PDB file of N, CA and C in Angstrom:
ATOM      1  N   MET A   1     -25.256  54.022 -26.012  1.00  0.00           N
ATOM      2  CA  MET A   1     -25.498  52.866 -25.166  1.00  0.00           C
ATOM      3  C   MET A   1     -26.214  53.326 -23.894  1.00  0.00           C
ATOM      4  N   ILE A   2     -27.063  52.453 -23.389  1.00  0.00           N
ATOM      5  CA  ILE A   2     -27.895  52.774 -22.235  1.00  0.00           C
ATOM      6  C   ILE A   2     -27.488  51.870 -21.072  1.00  0.00           C
ATOM      7  N   HIS A   3     -27.262  52.480 -19.924  1.00  0.00           N
ATOM      8  CA  HIS A   3     -26.875  51.751 -18.723  1.00  0.00           C
ATOM      9  C   HIS A   3     -28.126  51.134 -18.107  1.00  0.00           C
ATOM     10  N   VAL A   4     -28.097  49.832 -17.832  1.00  0.00           N
ATOM     11  CA  VAL A   4     -29.248  49.133 -17.251  1.00  0.00           C
ATOM     12  C   VAL A   4     -28.844  48.404 -15.982  1.00  0.00           C
ATOM     13  N   LYS A   5     -29.833  48.209 -15.113  1.00  0.00           N
ATOM     14  CA  LYS A   5     -29.655  47.417 -13.894  1.00  0.00           C
ATOM     15  C   LYS A   5     -30.619  46.244 -13.974  1.00  0.00           C
ATOM     16  N   TYR A   6     -30.067  45.031 -13.986  1.00  0.00           N
ATOM     17  CA  TYR A   6     -30.876  43.821 -14.098  1.00  0.00           C
ATOM     18  C   TYR A   6     -31.563  43.477 -12.774  1.00  0.00           C
ATOM     19  N   GLN A   7     -32.475  42.529 -12.811  1.00  0.00           N
ATOM     20  CA  GLN A   7     -33.193  42.076 -11.621  1.00  0.00           C
ATOM     21  C   GLN A   7     -32.248  41.528 -10.552  1.00  0.00           C
ATOM     22  N   ASP A   8     -31.102  40.982 -10.961  1.00  0.00           N
ATOM     23  CA  ASP A   8     -30.135  40.424  -9.996  1.00  0.00           C
ATOM     24  C   ASP A   8     -29.145  41.486  -9.492  1.00  0.00           C
ATOM     25  N   ASN A   9     -29.429  42.761  -9.790  1.00  0.00           N
ATOM     26  CA  ASN A   9     -28.621  43.914  -9.374  1.00  0.00           C
ATOM     27  C   ASN A   9     -27.284  44.043 -10.095  1.00  0.00           C
ATOM     28  N   SER A  10     -27.070  43.301 -11.170  1.00  0.00           N
ATOM     29  CA  SER A  10     -25.876  43.492 -11.991  1.00  0.00           C
ATOM     30  C   SER A  10     -26.169  44.594 -13.008  1.00  0.00           C
ATOM     31  N   TYR A  11     -25.125  45.168 -13.574  1.00  0.00           N
ATOM     32  CA  TYR A  11     -25.250  46.287 -14.509  1.00  0.00           C
ATOM     33  C   TYR A  11     -24.670  45.922 -15.865  1.00  0.00           C
ATOM     34  N   ASP A  12     -25.141  46.630 -16.894  1.00  0.00           N
ATOM     35  CA  ASP A  12     -24.645  46.409 -18.245  1.00  0.00           C
ATOM     36  C   ASP A  12     -24.987  47.644 -19.076  1.00  0.00           C
ATOM     37  N   TYR A  13     -24.429  47.699 -20.274  1.00  0.00           N
ATOM     38  CA  TYR A  13     -24.787  48.714 -21.264  1.00  0.00           C
ATOM     39  C   TYR A  13     -25.407  47.999 -22.455  1.00  0.00           C
ATOM     40  N   VAL A  14     -26.542  48.511 -22.939  1.00  0.00           N
ATOM     41  CA  VAL A  14     -27.240  47.903 -24.073  1.00  0.00           C
ATOM     42  C   VAL A  14     -27.657  48.986 -25.055  1.00  0.00           C
ATOM     43  N   ASP A  15     -27.984  48.581 -26.292  1.00  0.00           N
ATOM     44  CA  ASP A  15     -28.497  49.555 -27.256  1.00  0.00           C
ATOM     45  C   ASP A  15     -30.004  49.712 -27.054  1.00  0.00           C
ATOM     46  N   ASP A  16     -30.614  50.654 -27.762  1.00  0.00           N
ATOM     47  CA  ASP A  16     -32.031  50.953 -27.540  1.00  0.00           C
ATOM     48  C   ASP A  16     -32.963  49.807 -27.924  1.00  0.00           C
ATOM     49  N   VAL A  17     -32.597  49.014 -28.918  1.00  0.00           N
ATOM     50  CA  VAL A  17     -33.427  47.865 -29.304  1.00  0.00           C
ATOM     51  C   VAL A  17     -33.425  46.822 -28.189  1.00  0.00           C
ATOM     52  N   MET A  18     -32.255  46.569 -27.624  1.00  0.00           N
ATOM     53  CA  MET A  18     -32.157  45.612 -26.522  1.00  0.00           C
ATOM     54  C   MET A  18     -32.886  46.146 -25.287  1.00  0.00           C
ATOM     55  N   LEU A  19     -32.847  47.444 -25.057  1.00  0.00           N
ATOM     56  CA  LEU A  19     -33.570  48.026 -23.927  1.00  0.00           C
ATOM     57  C   LEU A  19     -35.062  47.718 -24.040  1.00  0.00           C
ATOM     58  N   ASP A  20     -35.631  47.899 -25.213  1.00  0.00           N
ATOM     59  CA  ASP A  20     -37.050  47.590 -25.421  1.00  0.00           C
ATOM     60  C   ASP A  20     -37.345  46.134 -25.076  1.00  0.00           C
ATOM     61  N   TYR A  21     -36.481  45.237 -25.518  1.00  0.00           N
ATOM     62  CA  TYR A  21     -36.654  43.815 -25.243  1.00  0.00           C
ATOM     63  C   TYR A  21     -36.573  43.539 -23.740  1.00  0.00           C
ATOM     64  N   LEU A  22     -35.581  44.116 -23.076  1.00  0.00           N
ATOM     65  CA  LEU A  22     -35.389  43.879 -21.645  1.00  0.00           C
ATOM     66  C   LEU A  22     -36.567  44.415 -20.825  1.00  0.00           C
ATOM     67  N   ILE A  23     -37.107  45.555 -21.230  1.00  0.00           N
ATOM     68  CA  ILE A  23     -38.280  46.106 -20.544  1.00  0.00           C
ATOM     69  C   ILE A  23     -39.476  45.178 -20.743  1.00  0.00           C
ATOM     70  N   ALA A  24     -39.715  44.762 -21.980  1.00  0.00           N
ATOM     71  CA  ALA A  24     -40.860  43.892 -22.291  1.00  0.00           C
ATOM     72  C   ALA A  24     -40.771  42.542 -21.586  1.00  0.00           C
ATOM     73  N   SER A  25     -39.557  42.035 -21.413  1.00  0.00           N
ATOM     74  CA  SER A  25     -39.383  40.722 -20.781  1.00  0.00           C
ATOM     75  C   SER A  25     -39.202  40.819 -19.266  1.00  0.00           C
ATOM     76  N   ASP A  26     -39.332  42.034 -18.721  1.00  0.00           N
ATOM     77  CA  ASP A  26     -39.200  42.269 -17.277  1.00  0.00           C
ATOM     78  C   ASP A  26     -37.849  41.779 -16.750  1.00  0.00           C
ATOM     79  N   SER A  27     -36.815  41.986 -17.545  1.00  0.00           N
ATOM     80  CA  SER A  27     -35.474  41.534 -17.178  1.00  0.00           C
ATOM     81  C   SER A  27     -34.660  42.573 -16.419  1.00  0.00           C
ATOM     82  N   ILE A  28     -35.120  43.809 -16.441  1.00  0.00           N
ATOM     83  CA  ILE A  28     -34.364  44.861 -15.759  1.00  0.00           C
ATOM     84  C   ILE A  28     -35.230  45.572 -14.718  1.00  0.00           C
ATOM     85  N   LYS A  29     -34.544  46.169 -13.732  1.00  0.00           N
ATOM     86  CA  LYS A  29     -35.208  46.979 -12.709  1.00  0.00           C
ATOM     87  C   LYS A  29     -35.224  48.442 -13.112  1.00  0.00           C
ATOM     88  N   GLU A  30     -34.085  48.902 -13.636  1.00  0.00           N
ATOM     89  CA  GLU A  30     -33.912  50.315 -13.923  1.00  0.00           C
ATOM     90  C   GLU A  30     -33.044  50.509 -15.152  1.00  0.00           C
ATOM     91  N   PHE A  31     -33.153  51.683 -15.742  1.00  0.00           N
ATOM     92  CA  PHE A  31     -32.202  52.095 -16.763  1.00  0.00           C
ATOM     93  C   PHE A  31     -31.911  53.565 -16.550  1.00  0.00           C
ATOM     94  N   TYR A  32     -30.746  53.995 -17.033  1.00  0.00           N
ATOM     95  CA  TYR A  32     -30.332  55.379 -16.842  1.00  0.00           C
ATOM     96  C   TYR A  32     -30.779  56.208 -18.034  1.00  0.00           C
ATOM     97  N   ARG A  33     -31.625  57.197 -17.765  1.00  0.00           N
ATOM     98  CA  ARG A  33     -32.114  58.093 -18.811  1.00  0.00           C
ATOM     99  C   ARG A  33     -31.212  59.323 -18.813  1.00  0.00           C
ATOM    100  N   ALA A  34     -30.277  59.346 -19.751  1.00  0.00           N
ATOM    101  CA  ALA A  34     -29.276  60.411 -19.792  1.00  0.00           C
ATOM    102  C   ALA A  34     -29.896  61.787 -20.014  1.00  0.00           C
ATOM    103  N   SER A  35     -30.977  61.861 -20.770  1.00  0.00           N
ATOM    104  CA  SER A  35     -31.609  63.150 -21.048  1.00  0.00           C
ATOM    105  C   SER A  35     -32.121  63.824 -19.783  1.00  0.00           C
ATOM    106  N   ASP A  36     -32.492  63.029 -18.782  1.00  0.00           N
ATOM    107  CA  ASP A  36     -32.957  63.561 -17.501  1.00  0.00           C
ATOM    108  C   ASP A  36     -31.913  63.391 -16.404  1.00  0.00           C
ATOM    109  N   ALA A  37     -30.792  62.773 -16.732  1.00  0.00           N
ATOM    110  CA  ALA A  37     -29.703  62.504 -15.777  1.00  0.00           C
ATOM    111  C   ALA A  37     -30.224  61.804 -14.521  1.00  0.00           C
ATOM    112  N   GLU A  38     -31.015  60.712 -14.744  1.00  0.00           N
ATOM    113  CA  GLU A  38     -31.541  59.978 -13.596  1.00  0.00           C
ATOM    114  C   GLU A  38     -31.825  58.524 -13.963  1.00  0.00           C
ATOM    115  N   TRP A  39     -31.832  57.675 -12.937  1.00  0.00           N
ATOM    116  CA  TRP A  39     -32.218  56.287 -13.097  1.00  0.00           C
ATOM    117  C   TRP A  39     -33.739  56.207 -13.110  1.00  0.00           C
ATOM    118  N   VAL A  40     -34.280  55.378 -13.985  1.00  0.00           N
ATOM    119  CA  VAL A  40     -35.725  55.210 -14.124  1.00  0.00           C
ATOM    120  C   VAL A  40     -36.097  53.809 -13.663  1.00  0.00           C
ATOM    121  N   ASP A  41     -36.955  53.734 -12.659  1.00  0.00           N
ATOM    122  CA  ASP A  41     -37.490  52.465 -12.171  1.00  0.00           C
ATOM    123  C   ASP A  41     -38.635  52.085 -13.105  1.00  0.00           C
ATOM    124  N   ILE A  42     -38.505  50.980 -13.826  1.00  0.00           N
ATOM    125  CA  ILE A  42     -39.514  50.647 -14.829  1.00  0.00           C
ATOM    126  C   ILE A  42     -40.855  50.263 -14.222  1.00  0.00           C
ATOM    127  N   ASN A  43     -40.898  49.995 -12.934  1.00  0.00           N
ATOM    128  CA  ASN A  43     -42.161  49.663 -12.280  1.00  0.00           C
ATOM    129  C   ASN A  43     -42.902  50.898 -11.773  1.00  0.00           C
ATOM    130  N   GLU A  44     -42.239  52.041 -11.750  1.00  0.00           N
ATOM    131  CA  GLU A  44     -42.863  53.244 -11.199  1.00  0.00           C
ATOM    132  C   GLU A  44     -43.003  54.385 -12.192  1.00  0.00           C
ATOM    133  N   ALA A  45     -42.096  54.509 -13.130  1.00  0.00           N
ATOM    134  CA  ALA A  45     -42.097  55.652 -14.052  1.00  0.00           C
ATOM    135  C   ALA A  45     -42.721  55.273 -15.389  1.00  0.00           C
ATOM    136  N   PRO A  46     -43.386  56.230 -16.029  1.00  0.00           N
ATOM    137  CA  PRO A  46     -43.883  55.952 -17.387  1.00  0.00           C
ATOM    138  C   PRO A  46     -42.709  55.764 -18.332  1.00  0.00           C
ATOM    139  N   ILE A  47     -42.790  54.748 -19.163  1.00  0.00           N
ATOM    140  CA  ILE A  47     -41.725  54.460 -20.116  1.00  0.00           C
ATOM    141  C   ILE A  47     -42.316  54.283 -21.494  1.00  0.00           C
ATOM    142  N   ARG A  48     -41.461  54.348 -22.499  1.00  0.00           N
ATOM    143  CA  ARG A  48     -41.949  54.217 -23.875  1.00  0.00           C
ATOM    144  C   ARG A  48     -42.576  52.850 -24.089  1.00  0.00           C
ATOM    145  N   GLY A  49     -43.512  52.815 -25.027  1.00  0.00           N
ATOM    146  CA  GLY A  49     -44.150  51.557 -25.361  1.00  0.00           C
ATOM    147  C   GLY A  49     -45.335  51.207 -24.482  1.00  0.00           C
ATOM    148  N   GLU A  50     -45.712  52.100 -23.560  1.00  0.00           N
ATOM    149  CA  GLU A  50     -46.849  51.816 -22.701  1.00  0.00           C
ATOM    150  C   GLU A  50     -48.140  52.413 -23.232  1.00  0.00           C
ATOM    151  N   GLY A  51     -48.098  52.966 -24.448  1.00  0.00           N
ATOM    152  CA  GLY A  51     -49.293  53.521 -25.039  1.00  0.00           C
ATOM    153  C   GLY A  51     -49.617  54.924 -24.558  1.00  0.00           C
ATOM    154  N   LEU A  52     -48.689  55.542 -23.877  1.00  0.00           N
ATOM    155  CA  LEU A  52     -48.906  56.896 -23.408  1.00  0.00           C
ATOM    156  C   LEU A  52     -48.658  57.868 -24.546  1.00  0.00           C
ATOM    157  N   SER A  53     -49.461  58.902 -24.607  1.00  0.00           N
ATOM    158  CA  SER A  53     -49.285  59.905 -25.650  1.00  0.00           C
ATOM    159  C   SER A  53     -48.164  60.856 -25.277  1.00  0.00           C
ATOM    160  N   TYR A  54     -47.391  61.225 -26.245  1.00  0.00           N
ATOM    161  CA  TYR A  54     -46.325  62.192 -26.050  1.00  0.00           C
ATOM    162  C   TYR A  54     -46.854  63.557 -26.450  1.00  0.00           C
ATOM    163  N   ILE A  55     -46.708  64.517 -25.561  1.00  0.00           N
ATOM    164  CA  ILE A  55     -47.115  65.874 -25.859  1.00  0.00           C
ATOM    165  C   ILE A  55     -45.849  66.711 -25.904  1.00  0.00           C
ATOM    166  N   GLY A  56     -45.532  67.210 -27.072  1.00  0.00           N
ATOM    167  CA  GLY A  56     -44.320  68.010 -27.224  1.00  0.00           C
ATOM    168  C   GLY A  56     -43.907  68.048 -28.672  1.00  0.00           C
ATOM    169  N   PRO A  57     -42.789  68.690 -28.936  1.00  0.00           N
ATOM    170  CA  PRO A  57     -42.342  68.808 -30.321  1.00  0.00           C
ATOM    171  C   PRO A  57     -41.888  67.468 -30.891  1.00  0.00           C
ATOM    172  N   GLU A  58     -42.138  67.269 -32.175  1.00  0.00           N
ATOM    173  CA  GLU A  58     -41.686  66.069 -32.871  1.00  0.00           C
ATOM    174  C   GLU A  58     -40.185  66.184 -33.067  1.00  0.00           C
ATOM    175  N   ARG A  59     -39.431  65.226 -32.534  1.00  0.00           N
ATOM    176  CA  ARG A  59     -37.981  65.287 -32.640  1.00  0.00           C
ATOM    177  C   ARG A  59     -37.410  64.160 -33.478  1.00  0.00           C
ATOM    178  N   ARG A  60     -38.224  63.206 -33.870  1.00  0.00           N
ATOM    179  CA  ARG A  60     -37.718  62.048 -34.612  1.00  0.00           C
ATOM    180  C   ARG A  60     -37.713  62.253 -36.113  1.00  0.00           C
ATOM    181  N   ARG A  61     -38.515  63.151 -36.604  1.00  0.00           N
ATOM    182  CA  ARG A  61     -38.605  63.381 -38.035  1.00  0.00           C
ATOM    183  C   ARG A  61     -37.332  64.077 -38.516  1.00  0.00           C
ATOM    184  N   SER A  62     -36.767  63.595 -39.578  1.00  0.00           N
ATOM    185  CA  SER A  62     -35.553  64.217 -40.103  1.00  0.00           C
ATOM    186  C   SER A  62     -35.894  65.529 -40.788  1.00  0.00           C
ATOM    187  N   PRO A  63     -34.979  66.490 -40.782  1.00  0.00           N
ATOM    188  CA  PRO A  63     -35.234  67.787 -41.442  1.00  0.00           C
ATOM    189  C   PRO A  63     -35.553  67.628 -42.931  1.00  0.00           C
ATOM    190  N   ALA A  64     -35.068  66.569 -43.572  1.00  0.00           N
ATOM    191  CA  ALA A  64     -35.321  66.358 -44.997  1.00  0.00           C
ATOM    192  C   ALA A  64     -36.808  66.074 -45.255  1.00  0.00           C
ATOM    193  N   CYS A  65     -37.515  65.607 -44.225  1.00  0.00           N
ATOM    194  CA  CYS A  65     -38.936  65.304 -44.389  1.00  0.00           C
ATOM    195  C   CYS A  65     -39.814  66.545 -44.267  1.00  0.00           C
ATOM    196  N   LEU A  66     -39.271  67.600 -43.721  1.00  0.00           N
ATOM    197  CA  LEU A  66     -40.059  68.821 -43.546  1.00  0.00           C
ATOM    198  C   LEU A  66     -40.141  69.592 -44.832  1.00  0.00           C
ATOM    199  N   LYS A  67     -41.334  70.007 -45.190  1.00  0.00           N
ATOM    200  CA  LYS A  67     -41.538  70.749 -46.433  1.00  0.00           C
ATOM    201  C   LYS A  67     -41.598  72.226 -46.112  1.00  0.00           C
ATOM    202  N   ILE A  68     -40.769  72.990 -46.746  1.00  0.00           N
ATOM    203  CA  ILE A  68     -40.752  74.433 -46.547  1.00  0.00           C
ATOM    204  C   ILE A  68     -41.451  75.087 -47.719  1.00  0.00           C
ATOM    205  N   SER A  69     -42.476  75.890 -47.424  1.00  0.00           N
ATOM    206  CA  SER A  69     -43.249  76.545 -48.494  1.00  0.00           C
ATOM    207  C   SER A  69     -42.750  77.948 -48.723  1.00  0.00           C
TER     208      SER A  69
END
C-alpha cells in the first residue's frame, strides 16, 4: 500500500492502480515513495507515466522469462 496526501491535506493508503488514477486525475499532492524513503511532490518530481525513459536494470521481468543458454 502507498501512502498518499490528497489536495485537501488528508492522508490515505492506496494500491498502485489507484495511485495511477489519483495522479492522472490530479487528486493528490504527494505520495510516499518507500524505495527512496521520501515524499514525492507530483508537481515537481518525475513520476511514472510521464513518458520518461527509465535507464537501469529491468526489474519487472520474472526470472522464468529469462532464457539461460
